[in-house]
Amino acid sequence: MTKAVRKAVIPVAGMGTRFLPATKSIPKEMLPVVDKPLIQYVIEEGLAAGIEEFILITSRGKHEIEDHFDHFAELEDQLKKKGKRALLELAESPILPAGAISAIRQQAPLGLGHAVWCARYAVAGEPFAVLLPDVLIKGDVSCLKQMTDAYADVGGNIIAVVDVPREHTNRYGILDPGAEKGNLIEVKGLVEKPDPAKAPSTLSIVGRYILDPAIFEELEKQEPGAGGEIQLTDSMQRLIGRQPFHGLRYEGTDYDCGDKLGFLKATVAYAMDRPDLAPGFKEFLKTVL
């Protein structure tokens, strides 16, 4: 019987240079899509999948992220006094139970694998999720919930995957796929950012992982990969054949919010899903298209 996935690691140590000058003074993970910051969407996805503990991998200047999920007594008191119950609920909606969120410093930007390795003591031998806050995945059922449901059946390691244009394979970790059963694909191998001519498929990893704690044995080796960084993909590759390893074609649409165009697309998609905004926003879009 597989253990439940209760913990999620969220790397948030990046500098967000693609969004300068906005990210000069606020973390990129706090940039709002409509009226919620990126990080809140990702935390909500985890909560919908049964995650009980969130481990932020941070760097200097990221305290606003932790503050967002804490009480702001002055604001809450003012809203209570003014009888603004709806606004009070919004202010309190991201607050997590005591002990449900913690932060660990990644002192140097040595890659995603290094960021995950920093959580080794907090994960404490359990299967865990990794959620990249640059990626929003919009669907009727959260992507991570689809993954935890699949994990309950097959165990091991599961990564969310989507087909990308072949000419873009050099931007992503790419699967060498095996047998397929429904939305699950056996993973025979993983290649980090392969040349399009040499890529074994066009199935790309999309910022959501469920990993066995054995990954830390590989990450402990601190071996640099593509770009001189410690790549999570390289350590996952070494688990293949030792443990079950699958890719999941999830149902939903992903938005790369680490990119300005992807961020704008996400803003439009989430705004159009809001009954209070969609009618007026749709009419505005007609005027500019």
Protein backbone atom coordinates (compact mmCIF):
# COMPACT_ATOMS: atom_id res chain seq x y z
CA MET A 1 0.00 0.00 0.00
CA THR A 2 1.40 3.41 -0.97
CA LYS A 3 1.86 6.17 1.59
CA ALA A 4 -0.25 9.28 1.15
CA VAL A 5 1.54 12.30 -0.31
CA ARG A 6 1.29 14.86 2.51
CA LYS A 7 4.19 17.22 1.82
CA ALA A 8 5.00 19.55 -1.06
CA VAL A 9 8.27 21.32 -1.82
CA ILE A 10 7.90 24.67 -3.60
CA PRO A 11 11.11 26.27 -4.92
CA VAL A 12 10.77 30.07 -4.72
CA ALA A 13 14.40 31.19 -4.51
CA GLY A 14 14.70 32.59 -8.06
CA MET A 15 15.39 36.27 -8.70
CA GLY A 16 12.60 36.75 -11.26
CA THR A 17 14.81 38.77 -13.61
CA ARG A 18 12.46 38.24 -16.57
CA PHE A 19 9.93 40.45 -14.78
CA LEU A 20 12.17 43.36 -13.89
CA PRO A 21 11.58 46.08 -12.82
CA ALA A 22 8.51 44.71 -10.97
CA THR A 23 10.54 42.01 -9.24
CA LYS A 24 13.14 44.45 -7.97
CA SER A 25 11.08 44.91 -4.82
CA ILE A 26 8.63 41.96 -4.70
CA PRO A 27 9.13 38.22 -5.30
CA LYS A 28 7.95 37.05 -8.72
CA GLU A 29 5.79 34.47 -6.94
CA MET A 30 3.76 37.35 -5.50
CA LEU A 31 2.84 38.78 -8.91
CA PRO A 32 -0.98 38.69 -9.13
CA VAL A 33 -2.97 36.82 -11.74
CA VAL A 34 -6.23 38.79 -11.50
CA ASP A 35 -6.30 39.24 -7.71
CA LYS A 36 -4.33 36.31 -6.29
CA PRO A 37 -0.55 35.90 -6.37
CA LEU A 38 0.95 33.00 -8.31
CA ILE A 39 2.02 31.23 -5.14
CA GLN A 40 -1.54 31.16 -3.79
CA TYR A 41 -2.84 29.32 -6.85
CA VAL A 42 -0.14 26.68 -6.37
CA ILE A 43 -0.83 26.30 -2.64
CA GLU A 44 -4.55 25.93 -3.38
CA GLU A 45 -3.74 23.22 -5.93
CA GLY A 46 -1.81 21.39 -3.23
CA LEU A 47 -4.61 21.73 -0.69
CA ALA A 48 -7.09 20.31 -3.22
CA ALA A 49 -4.82 17.25 -3.51
CA GLY A 50 -4.61 16.67 0.25
CA ILE A 51 -1.23 18.30 0.91
CA GLU A 52 -0.86 19.09 4.62
CA GLU A 53 2.60 20.65 4.76
CA PHE A 54 4.24 23.11 2.35
CA ILE A 55 8.01 23.58 2.34
CA LEU A 56 9.18 26.78 0.64
CA ILE A 57 12.75 26.85 -0.65
CA THR A 58 13.57 30.53 -0.38
CA SER A 59 16.36 33.06 -0.67
CA ARG A 60 17.03 36.53 0.71
CA GLY A 61 14.14 38.98 0.23
CA LYS A 62 11.33 36.40 0.01
CA HIS A 63 9.65 37.02 3.39
CA GLU A 64 6.55 38.48 1.69
CA ILE A 65 5.60 34.97 0.59
CA GLU A 66 5.49 33.67 4.17
CA ASP A 67 3.68 36.83 5.30
CA HIS A 68 0.96 36.27 2.70
CA PHE A 69 -0.10 33.04 4.42
CA ASP A 70 -0.10 34.58 7.91
CA HIS A 71 -2.52 36.81 9.79
CA PHE A 72 -2.38 40.57 9.22
CA ALA A 73 -4.00 41.65 12.49
CA GLU A 74 -4.29 45.37 11.72
CA LEU A 75 -6.00 44.79 8.38
CA GLU A 76 -8.32 42.13 9.78
CA ASP A 77 -9.31 44.34 12.73
CA GLN A 78 -10.11 47.27 10.43
CA LEU A 79 -12.26 45.10 8.15
CA LYS A 80 -14.12 43.66 11.16
CA LYS A 81 -14.82 47.13 12.58
CA LYS A 82 -16.17 48.32 9.24
CA GLY A 83 -18.32 45.22 8.82
CA LYS A 84 -16.66 44.26 5.53
CA ARG A 85 -17.16 40.52 5.88
CA ALA A 86 -16.54 39.64 2.23
CA LEU A 87 -13.19 41.44 2.21
CA LEU A 88 -12.28 39.87 5.55
CA GLU A 89 -12.88 36.41 4.10
CA LEU A 90 -10.55 37.25 1.20
CA ALA A 91 -7.87 38.50 3.59
CA GLU A 92 -8.13 35.33 5.66
CA SER A 93 -8.54 32.84 2.80
CA PRO A 94 -4.83 32.17 2.19
CA ILE A 95 -4.01 31.65 5.89
CA LEU A 96 -2.73 28.14 6.60
CA PRO A 97 -2.89 26.27 9.93
CA ALA A 98 0.02 26.74 12.32
CA GLY A 99 2.98 24.62 11.23
CA ALA A 100 1.57 23.91 7.77
CA ILE A 101 4.09 26.13 5.96
CA SER A 102 7.81 26.50 6.53
CA ALA A 103 10.75 28.10 4.76
CA ILE A 104 14.26 26.78 4.09
CA ARG A 105 17.04 28.93 2.65
CA GLN A 106 18.85 27.94 -0.55
CA GLN A 107 21.97 30.05 -0.12
CA ALA A 108 23.15 29.77 -3.73
CA PRO A 109 21.25 29.36 -7.04
CA LEU A 110 22.64 25.93 -7.94
CA GLY A 111 19.64 24.53 -9.81
CA LEU A 112 16.29 22.87 -9.22
CA GLY A 113 17.90 19.65 -8.00
CA HIS A 114 19.81 21.58 -5.36
CA ALA A 115 16.65 23.43 -4.30
CA VAL A 116 14.81 20.13 -3.78
CA TRP A 117 17.81 18.66 -1.95
CA CYS A 118 17.58 21.54 0.56
CA ALA A 119 14.26 20.05 1.76
CA ARG A 120 15.72 16.62 2.60
CA TYR A 121 15.35 16.93 6.38
CA ALA A 122 11.87 18.46 6.22
CA VAL A 123 10.60 15.73 3.88
CA ALA A 124 11.85 13.15 6.40
CA GLY A 125 11.62 9.97 4.34
CA GLU A 126 8.13 10.46 2.90
CA PRO A 127 6.94 10.58 -0.71
CA PHE A 128 6.49 14.22 -1.61
CA ALA A 129 5.34 16.58 -4.33
CA VAL A 130 7.36 19.30 -6.03
CA LEU A 131 5.32 22.25 -7.33
CA LEU A 132 6.92 24.92 -9.50
CA PRO A 133 5.08 28.21 -8.91
CA ASP A 134 5.99 29.56 -12.36
CA VAL A 135 3.51 27.08 -13.83
CA LEU A 136 -0.25 27.42 -13.37
CA ILE A 137 -2.38 24.50 -14.51
CA LYS A 138 -6.06 25.26 -14.93
CA GLY A 139 -8.56 22.41 -15.02
CA ASP A 140 -11.73 21.01 -13.49
CA VAL A 141 -9.63 18.73 -11.25
CA SER A 142 -6.31 20.06 -10.01
CA CYS A 143 -3.27 18.59 -11.74
CA LEU A 144 -1.74 17.42 -8.48
CA LYS A 145 -4.99 15.70 -7.46
CA GLN A 146 -4.92 13.79 -10.75
CA MET A 147 -1.34 12.82 -9.94
CA THR A 148 -2.01 11.71 -6.35
CA ASP A 149 -4.94 9.59 -7.58
CA ALA A 150 -2.61 7.91 -10.10
CA TYR A 151 0.10 7.55 -7.44
CA ALA A 152 -2.32 5.66 -5.19
CA ASP A 153 -2.56 3.04 -7.96
CA VAL A 154 1.05 2.75 -9.19
CA GLY A 155 3.30 4.28 -6.51
CA GLY A 156 6.89 5.17 -7.32
CA ASN A 157 7.47 8.47 -9.10
CA ILE A 158 5.07 10.44 -11.29
CA ILE A 159 5.69 13.56 -13.36
CA ALA A 160 3.14 15.70 -15.19
CA VAL A 161 3.80 15.78 -18.94
CA VAL A 162 2.50 17.55 -22.03
CA ASP A 163 3.42 17.51 -25.71
CA VAL A 164 5.44 20.52 -26.90
CA PRO A 165 6.53 21.51 -30.42
CA ARG A 166 9.64 19.53 -31.39
CA GLU A 167 11.60 22.72 -31.99
CA HIS A 168 11.11 23.59 -28.30
CA THR A 169 12.47 20.36 -26.76
CA ASN A 170 15.75 22.13 -25.96
CA ARG A 171 13.86 24.20 -23.36
CA TYR A 172 12.56 21.32 -21.22
CA GLY A 173 13.16 17.95 -19.62
CA ILE A 174 11.92 15.40 -22.18
CA LEU A 175 10.66 11.81 -21.73
CA ASP A 176 11.89 8.70 -23.45
CA PRO A 177 8.45 7.02 -23.31
CA GLY A 178 7.52 3.37 -22.96
CA ALA A 179 4.16 1.64 -22.76
CA GLU A 180 1.03 3.72 -22.31
CA LYS A 181 -2.03 2.85 -20.25
CA GLY A 182 -4.72 5.49 -20.34
CA ASN A 183 -3.14 8.79 -19.31
CA LEU A 184 -0.12 7.07 -17.74
CA ILE A 185 3.09 6.62 -19.72
CA GLU A 186 5.97 4.42 -18.62
CA VAL A 187 9.18 6.44 -18.40
CA LYS A 188 12.20 4.65 -19.87
CA GLY A 189 14.46 7.67 -19.65
CA LEU A 190 14.68 11.44 -19.19
CA VAL A 191 16.81 13.92 -21.09
CA GLU A 192 17.38 17.51 -19.96
CA LYS A 193 16.90 20.06 -22.78
CA PRO A 194 17.82 17.80 -25.73
CA ASP A 195 18.52 19.09 -29.22
CA PRO A 196 15.27 18.75 -31.23
CA ALA A 197 16.97 16.41 -33.70
CA LYS A 198 17.97 14.05 -30.88
CA ALA A 199 14.95 14.34 -28.57
CA PRO A 200 13.39 10.89 -27.84
CA SER A 201 9.88 12.41 -27.86
CA THR A 202 8.05 15.70 -27.53
CA LEU A 203 6.68 14.89 -24.07
CA SER A 204 7.85 17.60 -21.69
CA ILE A 205 7.88 17.72 -17.89
CA VAL A 206 5.52 20.47 -16.71
CA GLY A 207 6.47 21.61 -13.22
CA ARG A 208 4.63 18.98 -11.15
CA TYR A 209 6.30 15.94 -9.59
CA ILE A 210 5.59 13.21 -7.05
CA LEU A 211 8.89 11.72 -5.94
CA ASP A 212 10.08 8.90 -3.74
CA PRO A 213 12.48 10.05 -0.99
CA ALA A 214 15.18 7.88 -2.59
CA ILE A 215 15.73 10.87 -4.90
CA PHE A 216 17.74 12.48 -2.08
CA GLU A 217 20.37 9.73 -2.31
CA GLU A 218 21.02 10.85 -5.88
CA LEU A 219 20.77 14.58 -5.20
CA GLU A 220 23.30 14.14 -2.38
CA LYS A 221 25.98 13.50 -5.01
CA GLN A 222 25.69 17.17 -6.06
CA GLU A 223 26.67 16.36 -9.64
CA PRO A 224 26.30 19.32 -12.05
CA GLY A 225 24.41 18.78 -15.29
CA ALA A 226 23.08 21.02 -18.06
CA GLY A 227 24.10 24.65 -17.55
CA GLY A 228 26.47 23.64 -14.76
CA GLU A 229 23.50 23.33 -12.37
CA ILE A 230 22.37 20.40 -10.25
CA GLN A 231 19.47 19.15 -12.34
CA LEU A 232 16.53 17.31 -10.80
CA THR A 233 16.06 15.50 -14.12
CA ASP A 234 19.49 13.84 -13.84
CA SER A 235 18.72 12.39 -10.40
CA MET A 236 15.27 11.20 -11.50
CA GLN A 237 16.92 9.47 -14.46
CA ARG A 238 18.97 7.35 -12.06
CA LEU A 239 15.82 6.12 -10.28
CA ILE A 240 14.36 4.69 -13.50
CA GLY A 241 14.54 0.91 -13.45
CA ARG A 242 14.86 0.87 -9.66
CA GLN A 243 11.33 2.10 -8.97
CA PRO A 244 8.07 2.55 -10.91
CA PHE A 245 8.28 5.75 -12.95
CA HIS A 246 5.42 7.25 -14.96
CA GLY A 247 4.44 10.38 -16.79
CA LEU A 248 0.84 11.56 -16.49
CA ARG A 249 -0.91 13.35 -19.34
CA TYR A 250 -3.06 15.54 -17.12
CA GLU A 251 -6.36 17.11 -18.09
CA GLY A 252 -6.02 20.88 -18.03
CA THR A 253 -4.21 23.82 -19.59
CA ASP A 254 -0.80 24.94 -18.41
CA TYR A 255 0.49 28.52 -18.41
CA ASP A 256 4.18 29.29 -18.12
CA CYS A 257 4.02 32.33 -15.87
CA GLY A 258 7.78 32.62 -15.75
CA ASP A 259 7.39 34.11 -19.22
CA LYS A 260 5.64 37.46 -19.84
CA LEU A 261 3.44 36.12 -22.64
CA GLY A 262 2.46 33.08 -20.59
CA PHE A 263 1.67 35.32 -17.63
CA LEU A 264 -0.62 37.46 -19.79
CA LYS A 265 -2.36 34.37 -21.17
CA ALA A 266 -2.98 33.11 -17.64
CA THR A 267 -4.39 36.47 -16.59
CA VAL A 268 -6.87 36.41 -19.48
CA ALA A 269 -7.85 32.78 -18.88
CA TYR A 270 -8.48 33.23 -15.16
CA ALA A 271 -10.28 36.55 -15.66
CA MET A 272 -12.62 34.97 -18.20
CA ASP A 273 -13.46 32.31 -15.62
CA ARG A 274 -14.73 34.92 -13.15
CA PRO A 275 -18.48 35.70 -13.33
CA ASP A 276 -17.87 39.15 -11.83
CA LEU A 277 -15.29 40.06 -14.49
CA ALA A 278 -15.89 37.97 -17.59
CA PRO A 279 -18.75 39.93 -19.25
CA GLY A 280 -17.05 43.32 -19.08
CA PHE A 281 -13.61 41.90 -19.82
CA LYS A 282 -14.91 40.06 -22.88
CA GLU A 283 -16.40 43.27 -24.26
CA PHE A 284 -13.12 45.09 -23.66
CA LEU A 285 -11.15 42.39 -25.47
CA LYS A 286 -13.43 42.77 -28.47
CA THR A 287 -12.52 46.45 -28.68
CA VAL A 288 -8.78 45.80 -28.79
CA LEU A 289 -8.73 42.76 -31.11
